[in-house]
Amino acid sequence: MPYPLANALYQWEEGARALNSIDDPKLRRLADRVISAIRLELRRRVGPTFTAEELADFYGQGTDWAQQIAIDVAPAAADDAHTLADAAFWSYLRGAGNFAGGRTLAQ
């Protein structure tokens, strides 16, 4: 069963908001390293060509692997691993073939 794109978008946006609210430069650099590591793994697992719906379906299969990357890269961020994973998915979403700055492209 496909994971609802609207649900995924909500969760990913919340992760991005939390990321953008980090004021401490040291914590932000740490969070950015985590996001980069998760994005690299997303590229490996999902590939460079995908739709927003495909990314949502992949997200619906579970994000334990992404949270583990967050913990491995920044053990101090363990409490925020899920939020950072969501922020990484939001960031990766911009590469979807049917995503244009928050609008789905007409096909």
Protein backbone atom coordinates (compact mmCIF):
# COMPACT_ATOMS: atom_id res chain seq x y z
CA MET A 1 0.00 0.00 0.00
CA PRO A 2 1.48 3.39 -0.97
CA TYR A 3 2.44 5.79 1.79
CA PRO A 4 0.35 8.98 1.59
CA LEU A 5 2.43 11.76 0.08
CA ALA A 6 0.61 14.41 2.14
CA ASN A 7 1.62 12.66 5.37
CA ALA A 8 5.23 12.36 4.26
CA LEU A 9 5.35 16.01 3.19
CA TYR A 10 4.03 17.11 6.57
CA GLN A 11 6.63 15.06 8.45
CA TRP A 12 9.47 16.17 6.16
CA GLU A 13 8.51 19.83 6.43
CA GLU A 14 8.45 19.55 10.22
CA GLY A 15 11.95 18.10 10.09
CA ALA A 16 13.09 20.97 7.86
CA ARG A 17 11.53 23.53 10.22
CA ALA A 18 13.31 21.98 13.18
CA LEU A 19 16.59 22.02 11.26
CA ASN A 20 16.15 25.66 10.31
CA SER A 21 15.42 26.60 13.91
CA ILE A 22 18.87 25.47 15.10
CA ASP A 23 20.64 28.67 16.17
CA ASP A 24 23.86 27.21 17.54
CA PRO A 25 26.45 27.14 14.70
CA LYS A 26 28.17 24.05 16.10
CA LEU A 27 24.90 22.11 16.32
CA ARG A 28 23.89 23.28 12.84
CA ARG A 29 27.17 22.05 11.32
CA LEU A 30 26.64 18.72 13.04
CA ALA A 31 23.07 18.51 11.74
CA ASP A 32 24.22 19.42 8.22
CA ARG A 33 26.77 16.58 8.30
CA VAL A 34 24.01 14.16 9.29
CA ILE A 35 21.72 15.45 6.51
CA SER A 36 24.51 15.05 3.94
CA ALA A 37 25.21 11.48 5.02
CA ILE A 38 21.53 10.52 4.83
CA ARG A 39 21.16 12.21 1.42
CA LEU A 40 24.10 10.17 0.10
CA GLU A 41 22.44 6.99 1.29
CA LEU A 42 19.11 8.08 -0.22
CA ARG A 43 20.84 8.54 -3.55
CA ARG A 44 22.22 5.02 -3.26
CA ARG A 45 18.92 3.47 -2.17
CA VAL A 46 16.40 5.49 -4.21
CA GLY A 47 18.57 6.65 -7.07
CA PRO A 48 18.83 10.00 -8.81
CA THR A 49 15.58 9.62 -10.77
CA PHE A 50 12.41 9.36 -8.69
CA THR A 51 9.03 10.95 -8.05
CA ALA A 52 7.77 12.47 -4.82
CA GLU A 53 5.35 9.56 -4.51
CA GLU A 54 8.16 7.01 -4.88
CA LEU A 55 10.16 8.78 -2.19
CA ALA A 56 7.10 8.78 0.10
CA ASP A 57 6.61 5.05 -0.49
CA PHE A 58 10.27 4.44 0.33
CA TYR A 59 9.87 6.55 3.50
CA GLY A 60 6.83 4.46 4.45
CA GLN A 61 8.99 1.32 4.43
CA GLY A 62 10.85 2.68 7.44
CA THR A 63 13.64 5.05 8.34
CA ASP A 64 15.54 3.05 10.94
CA TRP A 65 18.53 2.98 8.60
CA ALA A 66 18.49 6.83 8.32
CA GLN A 67 18.20 7.24 12.06
CA GLN A 68 21.15 4.88 12.49
CA ILE A 69 23.21 7.00 10.11
CA ALA A 70 22.34 10.05 12.20
CA ILE A 71 23.50 8.29 15.36
CA ASP A 72 26.68 7.02 13.68
CA VAL A 73 27.61 10.44 12.29
CA ALA A 74 26.68 12.40 15.39
CA PRO A 75 26.07 10.33 18.53
CA ALA A 76 25.15 13.53 20.38
CA ALA A 77 22.21 13.95 17.98
CA ALA A 78 20.63 10.60 18.86
CA ASP A 79 17.57 12.27 20.37
CA ASP A 80 16.99 14.18 17.12
CA ALA A 81 17.75 11.32 14.72
CA HIS A 82 14.16 11.00 13.47
CA THR A 83 13.84 14.76 12.93
CA LEU A 84 17.14 14.87 11.05
CA ALA A 85 16.05 11.94 8.89
CA ASP A 86 12.85 13.82 8.02
CA ALA A 87 14.85 16.94 7.16
CA ALA A 88 17.09 14.87 4.88
CA PHE A 89 14.08 13.46 3.06
CA TRP A 90 12.73 17.01 2.63
CA SER A 91 16.05 18.08 1.18
CA TYR A 92 16.23 15.08 -1.14
CA LEU A 93 12.66 15.67 -2.30
CA ARG A 94 13.81 18.71 -4.28
CA GLY A 95 15.38 16.30 -6.76
CA ALA A 96 12.09 14.53 -7.52
CA GLY A 97 11.10 14.63 -11.16
CA ASN A 98 7.66 15.97 -10.31
CA PHE A 99 8.63 18.51 -7.66
CA ALA A 100 8.96 22.20 -8.41
CA GLY A 101 9.36 24.34 -5.33
CA GLY A 102 6.39 22.88 -3.54
CA ARG A 103 4.21 22.35 -6.61
CA THR A 104 3.66 19.09 -8.43
CA LEU A 105 4.40 19.52 -12.12
CA ALA A 106 1.55 18.86 -14.52
CA GLN A 107 2.14 15.78 -16.64
